[in-house]
Every structure is written in structure tokens, then in C-alpha cells.
């Protein structure tokens, strides 16, 4: 028990774990309108974008693509992911320790959603308008990115 407390509470506070994640803002155009793919988190079931910690061997855009595949079964159009903004939130580590985390958000155009992907049984995914997605996510900075998305993508 003491070891678990050390590893999940004390050690993260002392070692200052990484505070940077990468997110995939997966989108498509349907009838001329932009739609955004949101997924549920595994722990609380709240709506989020696919995201994760940096991965060895990938740049930030590559990590975003990998997270989109693992968490949502996204097949992109092959274009490089485009950095469209950042937001900040409090990531809860094991043991409930909050860590302020900066997230770089990459736009990824989706051509297909695959039915077989690594986290298929752990998450729900849904297409929404950017406005609806902004209403269901919790993070203030992400809400703003979503609301601005139609203009951002028209650049």
C-alpha cells in the first residue's frame, strides 16, 4: 500500500511528470458542413478528443495520428496533421493528483472510420457539429478551438 501511494501520489509530485499532450481534432465535411469526431474518455465517460502523451519515434503530428487510430479508428486522408491551436487542462493522474497539461491540437481530415481498432470496446465515438462539440467538452480552451473551427479550416 505504501508503495502504491508513493508511485501514484508522491513520486509524480516530486519528479514533475511530462505536462504536454497531443490531441487529434478529427473532422469531415458532410454536405458542405464541418463535423468533428468526439470520443468518450475511458475513466469518466466525458466527451474529449483523442489525445495522449508524446510517443517515442513520433513527432507531435504523428502522435496525434496514432492516437486518432488507437482511440477512434480514424483513417486520415494522408495529409500531414495541421497544428491549429492549444489548450490547457488539469489531467488527473492515478491517485487523483491533478497536473496542469498543455495540449497541442492537430486537425486531421477523416476519410473513414474503421470498426476494428485498439480501444473499440472502451470508448464511444460520435460526429457532432463544432458548436455541439463545444457544448459537450469540459475544457474552456478546447471549447474556443471548436467554436472557431469552421474559420480555422477555411484558411
N, C-alpha and C. Protein backbone atom coordinates (compact mmCIF):
# COMPACT_ATOMS: atom_id res chain seq x y z
N UNK A 1 0.82 -1.20 0.00
CA UNK A 1 0.00 0.00 0.00
C UNK A 1 0.87 1.26 0.00
N UNK A 2 1.91 1.25 0.80
CA UNK A 2 2.80 2.41 0.85
C UNK A 2 3.48 2.62 -0.51
N UNK A 3 3.86 1.52 -1.16
CA UNK A 3 4.49 1.62 -2.47
C UNK A 3 3.52 2.22 -3.49
N UNK A 4 2.28 1.79 -3.47
CA UNK A 4 1.26 2.32 -4.39
C UNK A 4 1.07 3.81 -4.15
N UNK A 5 0.99 4.23 -2.91
CA UNK A 5 0.85 5.65 -2.57
C UNK A 5 2.06 6.43 -3.10
N UNK A 6 3.26 5.87 -2.91
CA UNK A 6 4.47 6.53 -3.41
C UNK A 6 4.42 6.68 -4.91
N UNK A 7 4.13 5.59 -5.64
CA UNK A 7 4.16 5.61 -7.10
C UNK A 7 3.06 6.47 -7.71
N UNK A 8 1.89 6.51 -7.08
CA UNK A 8 0.75 7.21 -7.67
C UNK A 8 0.52 8.63 -7.16
N UNK A 9 1.10 8.97 -6.02
CA UNK A 9 0.86 10.29 -5.46
C UNK A 9 2.16 11.08 -5.25
N UNK A 10 3.05 10.56 -4.46
CA UNK A 10 4.26 11.31 -4.09
C UNK A 10 5.24 11.41 -5.26
N UNK A 11 5.56 10.31 -5.91
CA UNK A 11 6.54 10.33 -7.00
C UNK A 11 6.16 11.28 -8.13
N UNK A 12 4.90 11.31 -8.60
CA UNK A 12 4.56 12.27 -9.65
C UNK A 12 4.76 13.73 -9.22
N UNK A 13 4.54 14.02 -7.95
CA UNK A 13 4.73 15.39 -7.47
C UNK A 13 6.21 15.76 -7.45
N UNK A 14 7.06 14.83 -7.07
CA UNK A 14 8.48 15.09 -6.97
C UNK A 14 9.14 15.11 -8.34
N UNK A 15 8.82 14.14 -9.19
CA UNK A 15 9.51 14.00 -10.46
C UNK A 15 9.00 14.94 -11.55
N UNK A 16 7.94 15.66 -11.27
CA UNK A 16 7.38 16.60 -12.25
C UNK A 16 7.19 15.92 -13.61
N UNK A 17 6.17 15.07 -13.70
CA UNK A 17 5.95 14.32 -14.94
C UNK A 17 5.67 15.26 -16.12
N UNK A 18 5.80 14.70 -17.30
CA UNK A 18 5.56 15.47 -18.51
C UNK A 18 4.19 16.15 -18.43
N UNK A 19 4.15 17.38 -18.89
CA UNK A 19 2.91 18.15 -18.85
C UNK A 19 2.54 18.60 -20.25
N UNK A 20 2.71 17.71 -21.20
CA UNK A 20 2.43 18.05 -22.58
C UNK A 20 1.75 16.85 -23.24
N UNK A 21 0.62 17.11 -23.90
CA UNK A 21 -0.07 16.08 -24.64
C UNK A 21 -0.38 16.59 -26.04
N UNK A 22 -0.77 15.66 -26.89
CA UNK A 22 -1.11 15.96 -28.27
C UNK A 22 -2.51 15.44 -28.52
N UNK A 23 -3.36 16.26 -29.17
CA UNK A 23 -4.74 15.85 -29.46
C UNK A 23 -4.99 15.86 -30.96
N UNK A 24 -5.92 15.01 -31.38
CA UNK A 24 -6.34 14.93 -32.77
C UNK A 24 -7.75 15.49 -32.89
N UNK A 25 -7.89 16.60 -33.59
CA UNK A 25 -9.22 17.12 -33.87
C UNK A 25 -9.59 16.55 -35.25
N UNK A 26 -10.31 15.45 -35.21
CA UNK A 26 -10.67 14.71 -36.42
C UNK A 26 -11.95 15.32 -36.98
N UNK A 27 -11.93 15.61 -38.28
CA UNK A 27 -13.09 16.27 -38.88
C UNK A 27 -13.39 15.71 -40.26
N UNK A 28 -14.60 15.99 -40.71
CA UNK A 28 -15.03 15.68 -42.07
C UNK A 28 -15.98 16.77 -42.51
N UNK A 29 -16.21 16.83 -43.80
CA UNK A 29 -17.21 17.74 -44.35
C UNK A 29 -18.34 16.88 -44.89
N UNK A 30 -19.55 17.22 -44.47
CA UNK A 30 -20.73 16.49 -44.90
C UNK A 30 -21.75 17.52 -45.37
N UNK A 31 -22.05 17.48 -46.65
CA UNK A 31 -22.98 18.47 -47.20
C UNK A 31 -22.48 19.89 -47.06
N UNK A 32 -21.17 20.05 -47.13
CA UNK A 32 -20.58 21.39 -47.01
C UNK A 32 -20.38 21.85 -45.58
N UNK A 33 -20.87 21.09 -44.62
CA UNK A 33 -20.73 21.45 -43.20
C UNK A 33 -19.63 20.63 -42.55
N UNK A 34 -18.91 21.26 -41.62
CA UNK A 34 -17.85 20.58 -40.88
C UNK A 34 -18.47 19.79 -39.73
N UNK A 35 -17.99 18.58 -39.55
CA UNK A 35 -18.35 17.77 -38.38
C UNK A 35 -17.07 17.33 -37.69
N UNK A 36 -17.14 17.23 -36.37
CA UNK A 36 -15.99 16.88 -35.53
C UNK A 36 -16.29 15.54 -34.85
N UNK A 37 -15.26 14.71 -34.76
CA UNK A 37 -15.40 13.43 -34.06
C UNK A 37 -14.97 13.61 -32.61
N UNK A 38 -15.88 13.31 -31.69
CA UNK A 38 -15.54 13.31 -30.27
C UNK A 38 -15.69 11.88 -29.76
N UNK A 39 -14.95 11.57 -28.72
CA UNK A 39 -14.98 10.24 -28.12
C UNK A 39 -15.14 10.38 -26.62
N UNK A 40 -15.50 9.29 -25.97
CA UNK A 40 -15.60 9.32 -24.52
C UNK A 40 -14.27 8.92 -23.90
N UNK A 41 -13.98 9.49 -22.74
CA UNK A 41 -12.79 9.07 -22.01
C UNK A 41 -13.07 7.70 -21.38
N UNK A 42 -12.01 6.97 -21.11
CA UNK A 42 -12.21 5.63 -20.55
C UNK A 42 -12.61 5.67 -19.08
N UNK A 43 -12.12 6.65 -18.35
CA UNK A 43 -12.38 6.65 -16.91
C UNK A 43 -13.71 7.28 -16.53
N UNK A 44 -14.04 8.46 -17.05
CA UNK A 44 -15.24 9.17 -16.62
C UNK A 44 -16.36 9.16 -17.65
N UNK A 45 -16.05 8.81 -18.90
CA UNK A 45 -17.07 8.81 -19.95
C UNK A 45 -17.40 10.20 -20.47
N UNK A 46 -16.58 11.21 -20.11
CA UNK A 46 -16.85 12.55 -20.63
C UNK A 46 -16.37 12.65 -22.06
N UNK A 47 -16.88 13.62 -22.81
CA UNK A 47 -16.52 13.80 -24.21
C UNK A 47 -15.18 14.51 -24.32
N UNK A 48 -14.30 13.98 -25.16
CA UNK A 48 -12.95 14.51 -25.36
C UNK A 48 -12.55 14.32 -26.82
N UNK A 49 -11.38 14.82 -27.16
CA UNK A 49 -10.72 14.49 -28.43
C UNK A 49 -9.74 13.35 -28.16
N UNK A 50 -9.43 12.55 -29.16
CA UNK A 50 -8.35 11.57 -28.98
C UNK A 50 -7.06 12.33 -28.63
N UNK A 51 -6.38 11.89 -27.59
CA UNK A 51 -5.14 12.58 -27.19
C UNK A 51 -4.28 11.67 -26.36
N UNK A 52 -3.01 12.05 -26.24
CA UNK A 52 -2.10 11.26 -25.43
C UNK A 52 -0.77 11.96 -25.23
N UNK A 53 0.08 11.30 -24.45
CA UNK A 53 1.42 11.80 -24.18
C UNK A 53 2.28 11.59 -25.42
N UNK A 54 3.34 12.37 -25.59
CA UNK A 54 4.24 12.18 -26.73
C UNK A 54 4.75 10.73 -26.76
N UNK A 55 4.97 10.25 -27.98
CA UNK A 55 5.43 8.87 -28.16
C UNK A 55 6.79 8.86 -28.82
N UNK A 56 7.65 8.02 -28.31
CA UNK A 56 8.99 7.87 -28.88
C UNK A 56 8.86 7.43 -30.34
N UNK A 57 9.62 8.08 -31.20
CA UNK A 57 9.60 7.72 -32.61
C UNK A 57 8.58 8.49 -33.44
N UNK A 58 7.78 9.34 -32.79
CA UNK A 58 6.77 10.13 -33.49
C UNK A 58 6.98 11.61 -33.18
N UNK A 59 6.74 12.46 -34.18
CA UNK A 59 6.65 13.89 -33.87
C UNK A 59 5.25 14.15 -33.33
N UNK A 60 4.95 15.38 -32.98
CA UNK A 60 3.64 15.68 -32.38
C UNK A 60 2.49 15.32 -33.32
N UNK A 61 2.61 15.67 -34.60
CA UNK A 61 1.56 15.34 -35.56
C UNK A 61 1.40 13.83 -35.72
N UNK A 62 2.50 13.12 -35.74
CA UNK A 62 2.45 11.66 -35.82
C UNK A 62 1.80 11.03 -34.61
N UNK A 63 2.07 11.61 -33.43
CA UNK A 63 1.40 11.14 -32.22
C UNK A 63 -0.10 11.36 -32.32
N UNK A 64 -0.51 12.52 -32.84
CA UNK A 64 -1.94 12.80 -33.00
C UNK A 64 -2.59 11.77 -33.92
N UNK A 65 -1.94 11.45 -35.02
CA UNK A 65 -2.47 10.43 -35.93
C UNK A 65 -2.59 9.07 -35.24
N UNK A 66 -1.57 8.71 -34.49
CA UNK A 66 -1.58 7.42 -33.79
C UNK A 66 -2.69 7.37 -32.75
N UNK A 67 -2.89 8.45 -32.00
CA UNK A 67 -3.96 8.50 -31.01
C UNK A 67 -5.34 8.42 -31.68
N UNK A 68 -5.49 9.10 -32.82
CA UNK A 68 -6.76 9.05 -33.55
C UNK A 68 -7.08 7.62 -33.98
N UNK A 69 -6.08 6.89 -34.41
CA UNK A 69 -6.28 5.50 -34.81
C UNK A 69 -6.59 4.62 -33.59
N UNK A 70 -5.75 4.70 -32.55
CA UNK A 70 -5.91 3.83 -31.39
C UNK A 70 -7.23 4.05 -30.66
N UNK A 71 -7.61 5.32 -30.48
CA UNK A 71 -8.77 5.64 -29.66
C UNK A 71 -10.07 5.75 -30.44
N UNK A 72 -10.01 5.97 -31.76
CA UNK A 72 -11.24 6.22 -32.51
C UNK A 72 -11.33 5.48 -33.85
N UNK A 73 -10.30 4.76 -34.25
CA UNK A 73 -10.35 4.04 -35.52
C UNK A 73 -10.32 4.92 -36.74
N UNK A 74 -9.66 6.07 -36.65
CA UNK A 74 -9.63 7.05 -37.73
C UNK A 74 -8.64 6.66 -38.82
N UNK A 75 -9.08 6.74 -40.05
CA UNK A 75 -8.21 6.65 -41.22
C UNK A 75 -8.22 8.04 -41.84
N UNK A 76 -7.04 8.66 -41.92
CA UNK A 76 -6.96 10.03 -42.41
C UNK A 76 -6.84 10.06 -43.93
N UNK A 77 -6.88 11.27 -44.47
CA UNK A 77 -6.74 11.43 -45.92
C UNK A 77 -5.28 11.40 -46.37
N UNK A 78 -4.35 11.23 -45.43
CA UNK A 78 -2.94 11.15 -45.77
C UNK A 78 -2.20 12.48 -45.70
N UNK A 79 -2.92 13.57 -45.60
CA UNK A 79 -2.26 14.88 -45.47
C UNK A 79 -1.62 14.97 -44.08
N UNK A 80 -0.52 15.70 -43.96
CA UNK A 80 0.09 15.86 -42.64
C UNK A 80 -0.87 16.57 -41.68
N UNK A 81 -0.92 16.13 -40.43
CA UNK A 81 -1.76 16.83 -39.45
C UNK A 81 -1.32 18.28 -39.34
N UNK A 82 -2.30 19.17 -39.15
CA UNK A 82 -2.03 20.61 -39.09
C UNK A 82 -2.27 21.15 -37.69
N UNK A 83 -1.25 21.74 -37.10
CA UNK A 83 -1.40 22.35 -35.77
C UNK A 83 -2.36 23.53 -35.88
N UNK A 84 -3.45 23.48 -35.10
CA UNK A 84 -4.45 24.55 -35.18
C UNK A 84 -4.63 25.31 -33.87
N UNK A 85 -3.96 24.87 -32.81
CA UNK A 85 -4.09 25.60 -31.55
C UNK A 85 -3.66 24.76 -30.36
N UNK A 86 -3.83 25.35 -29.19
CA UNK A 86 -3.50 24.69 -27.94
C UNK A 86 -4.58 24.98 -26.92
N UNK A 87 -4.64 24.15 -25.90
CA UNK A 87 -5.47 24.44 -24.74
C UNK A 87 -4.81 23.82 -23.51
N UNK A 88 -5.27 24.19 -22.35
CA UNK A 88 -4.71 23.72 -21.09
C UNK A 88 -5.83 23.11 -20.25
N UNK A 89 -5.49 22.03 -19.56
CA UNK A 89 -6.47 21.42 -18.65
C UNK A 89 -5.72 20.72 -17.52
N UNK A 90 -6.45 20.32 -16.50
CA UNK A 90 -5.87 19.58 -15.38
C UNK A 90 -6.09 18.10 -15.60
N UNK A 91 -5.02 17.40 -15.95
CA UNK A 91 -5.04 15.95 -16.13
C UNK A 91 -4.95 15.32 -14.75
N UNK A 92 -5.84 14.38 -14.48
CA UNK A 92 -5.80 13.67 -13.20
C UNK A 92 -5.01 12.38 -13.39
N UNK A 93 -3.90 12.29 -12.66
CA UNK A 93 -3.08 11.09 -12.70
C UNK A 93 -3.67 10.05 -11.76
N UNK A 94 -3.13 8.83 -11.82
CA UNK A 94 -3.58 7.80 -10.88
C UNK A 94 -3.40 8.32 -9.48
N UNK A 95 -4.36 8.09 -8.64
CA UNK A 95 -4.32 8.61 -7.29
C UNK A 95 -5.01 9.96 -7.17
N UNK A 96 -5.47 10.52 -8.32
CA UNK A 96 -6.22 11.76 -8.30
C UNK A 96 -5.39 13.02 -8.30
N UNK A 97 -4.08 12.90 -8.47
CA UNK A 97 -3.21 14.07 -8.46
C UNK A 97 -3.43 14.87 -9.75
N UNK A 98 -3.83 16.17 -9.65
CA UNK A 98 -4.02 16.98 -10.86
C UNK A 98 -2.69 17.54 -11.35
N UNK A 99 -2.49 17.49 -12.67
CA UNK A 99 -1.29 18.03 -13.29
C UNK A 99 -1.73 18.93 -14.43
N UNK A 100 -1.36 20.21 -14.36
CA UNK A 100 -1.70 21.13 -15.43
C UNK A 100 -0.97 20.68 -16.69
N UNK A 101 -1.74 20.50 -17.77
CA UNK A 101 -1.21 19.93 -19.00
C UNK A 101 -1.56 20.80 -20.19
N UNK A 102 -0.56 21.14 -20.99
CA UNK A 102 -0.76 21.87 -22.24
C UNK A 102 -0.95 20.86 -23.36
N UNK A 103 -1.94 21.12 -24.22
CA UNK A 103 -2.26 20.20 -25.30
C UNK A 103 -2.15 20.92 -26.64
N UNK A 104 -1.35 20.37 -27.54
CA UNK A 104 -1.32 20.87 -28.92
C UNK A 104 -2.38 20.09 -29.71
N UNK A 105 -3.18 20.82 -30.48
CA UNK A 105 -4.29 20.21 -31.22
C UNK A 105 -3.98 20.24 -32.71
N UNK A 106 -4.07 19.07 -33.32
CA UNK A 106 -3.80 18.91 -34.74
C UNK A 106 -5.08 18.52 -35.48
N UNK A 107 -5.38 19.24 -36.56
CA UNK A 107 -6.53 18.91 -37.40
C UNK A 107 -6.16 17.74 -38.30
N UNK A 108 -7.05 16.75 -38.33
CA UNK A 108 -6.87 15.57 -39.16
C UNK A 108 -8.16 15.32 -39.92
N UNK A 109 -8.07 15.36 -41.24
CA UNK A 109 -9.25 15.10 -42.07
C UNK A 109 -9.48 13.60 -42.17
N UNK A 110 -10.68 13.17 -41.85
CA UNK A 110 -11.04 11.75 -41.81
C UNK A 110 -11.68 11.33 -43.13
N UNK A 111 -11.20 10.22 -43.66
CA UNK A 111 -11.87 9.68 -44.85
C UNK A 111 -12.69 8.44 -44.51
N UNK A 112 -12.37 7.82 -43.35
CA UNK A 112 -13.11 6.62 -42.98
C UNK A 112 -12.91 6.33 -41.50
N UNK A 113 -13.95 5.80 -40.86
CA UNK A 113 -13.83 5.27 -39.51
C UNK A 113 -13.86 3.76 -39.59
N UNK A 114 -12.85 3.13 -39.06
CA UNK A 114 -12.77 1.68 -39.08
C UNK A 114 -13.47 1.10 -37.84
N UNK A 115 -14.05 -0.07 -38.00
CA UNK A 115 -14.80 -0.69 -36.90
C UNK A 115 -13.91 -1.50 -35.97
N UNK A 116 -12.69 -1.81 -36.40
CA UNK A 116 -11.77 -2.59 -35.59
C UNK A 116 -10.54 -1.73 -35.31
N UNK A 117 -10.39 -1.33 -34.05
CA UNK A 117 -9.25 -0.51 -33.63
C UNK A 117 -8.94 -0.85 -32.18
N UNK A 118 -7.75 -0.50 -31.68
CA UNK A 118 -7.32 -0.97 -30.36
C UNK A 118 -8.28 -0.70 -29.20
N UNK A 119 -8.93 0.44 -29.14
CA UNK A 119 -9.77 0.76 -27.98
C UNK A 119 -11.27 0.71 -28.31
N UNK A 120 -11.65 -0.11 -29.28
CA UNK A 120 -13.03 -0.18 -29.76
C UNK A 120 -14.04 -0.47 -28.64
N UNK A 121 -13.72 -1.32 -27.70
CA UNK A 121 -14.67 -1.67 -26.64
C UNK A 121 -14.63 -0.74 -25.45
N UNK A 122 -13.75 0.26 -25.49
CA UNK A 122 -13.54 1.12 -24.33
C UNK A 122 -14.11 2.52 -24.48
N UNK A 123 -14.51 2.89 -25.69
CA UNK A 123 -14.93 4.26 -25.96
C UNK A 123 -16.16 4.29 -26.87
N UNK A 124 -16.86 5.40 -26.80
CA UNK A 124 -17.95 5.69 -27.73
C UNK A 124 -17.47 6.85 -28.58
N UNK A 125 -17.81 6.85 -29.85
CA UNK A 125 -17.42 7.96 -30.72
C UNK A 125 -18.68 8.50 -31.40
N UNK A 126 -18.65 9.81 -31.66
CA UNK A 126 -19.82 10.44 -32.26
C UNK A 126 -19.40 11.67 -33.07
N UNK A 127 -20.02 11.83 -34.25
CA UNK A 127 -19.82 13.03 -35.06
C UNK A 127 -20.76 14.11 -34.55
N UNK A 128 -20.24 15.33 -34.42
CA UNK A 128 -21.03 16.47 -33.98
C UNK A 128 -20.62 17.70 -34.77
N UNK A 129 -21.49 18.69 -34.78
CA UNK A 129 -21.08 19.99 -35.32
C UNK A 129 -20.05 20.57 -34.35
N UNK A 130 -19.19 21.47 -34.81
CA UNK A 130 -18.24 22.09 -33.88
C UNK A 130 -18.94 22.77 -32.70
N UNK A 131 -20.10 23.38 -32.96
CA UNK A 131 -20.84 24.06 -31.89
C UNK A 131 -21.33 23.06 -30.85
N UNK A 132 -21.89 21.93 -31.31
CA UNK A 132 -22.36 20.91 -30.38
C UNK A 132 -21.20 20.29 -29.60
N UNK A 133 -20.09 20.05 -30.29
CA UNK A 133 -18.91 19.50 -29.62
C UNK A 133 -18.41 20.47 -28.54
N UNK A 134 -18.44 21.77 -28.84
CA UNK A 134 -18.01 22.77 -27.85
C UNK A 134 -18.90 22.75 -26.62
N UNK A 135 -20.15 22.39 -26.79
CA UNK A 135 -21.07 22.33 -25.65
C UNK A 135 -20.81 21.12 -24.75
N UNK A 136 -20.31 20.01 -25.31
CA UNK A 136 -20.18 18.79 -24.52
C UNK A 136 -18.80 18.58 -23.90
N UNK A 137 -17.77 19.27 -24.41
CA UNK A 137 -16.44 19.12 -23.79
C UNK A 137 -16.35 20.04 -22.58
N UNK A 138 -15.45 19.71 -21.67
CA UNK A 138 -15.32 20.48 -20.43
C UNK A 138 -14.31 21.62 -20.48
N UNK A 139 -13.26 21.48 -21.27
CA UNK A 139 -12.14 22.40 -21.24
C UNK A 139 -12.45 23.70 -21.98
N UNK A 140 -12.31 24.83 -21.30
CA UNK A 140 -12.63 26.13 -21.86
C UNK A 140 -11.85 26.42 -23.14
N UNK A 141 -10.56 26.17 -23.14
CA UNK A 141 -9.75 26.43 -24.32
C UNK A 141 -10.13 25.56 -25.50
N UNK A 142 -10.51 24.32 -25.24
CA UNK A 142 -10.96 23.44 -26.31
C UNK A 142 -12.30 23.90 -26.86
N UNK A 143 -13.18 24.39 -26.00
CA UNK A 143 -14.46 24.94 -26.46
C UNK A 143 -14.22 26.05 -27.49
N UNK A 144 -13.28 26.94 -27.19
CA UNK A 144 -12.99 28.05 -28.09
C UNK A 144 -12.43 27.55 -29.42
N UNK A 145 -11.52 26.57 -29.39
CA UNK A 145 -10.98 26.00 -30.62
C UNK A 145 -12.09 25.39 -31.49
N UNK A 146 -13.00 24.70 -30.85
CA UNK A 146 -14.09 24.07 -31.58
C UNK A 146 -15.02 25.11 -32.20
N UNK A 147 -15.34 26.15 -31.46
CA UNK A 147 -16.23 27.20 -31.99
C UNK A 147 -15.60 27.93 -33.17
N UNK A 148 -14.28 28.05 -33.17
CA UNK A 148 -13.57 28.74 -34.25
C UNK A 148 -13.22 27.82 -35.42
N UNK A 149 -13.49 26.53 -35.29
CA UNK A 149 -13.01 25.56 -36.28
C UNK A 149 -13.42 25.85 -37.72
N UNK A 150 -14.68 26.19 -38.02
CA UNK A 150 -15.01 26.45 -39.43
C UNK A 150 -14.14 27.53 -40.05
N UNK A 151 -13.84 28.57 -39.30
CA UNK A 151 -12.98 29.64 -39.82
C UNK A 151 -11.55 29.14 -39.91
N UNK A 152 -11.08 28.42 -38.92
CA UNK A 152 -9.70 27.88 -38.91
C UNK A 152 -9.47 26.99 -40.11
N UNK A 153 -10.41 26.13 -40.43
CA UNK A 153 -10.24 25.19 -41.54
C UNK A 153 -10.35 25.86 -42.90
N UNK A 154 -10.95 27.04 -42.95
CA UNK A 154 -11.09 27.73 -44.24
C UNK A 154 -9.81 28.47 -44.64
N UNK A 155 -8.86 28.56 -43.72
CA UNK A 155 -7.58 29.23 -44.00
C UNK A 155 -6.80 28.49 -45.07
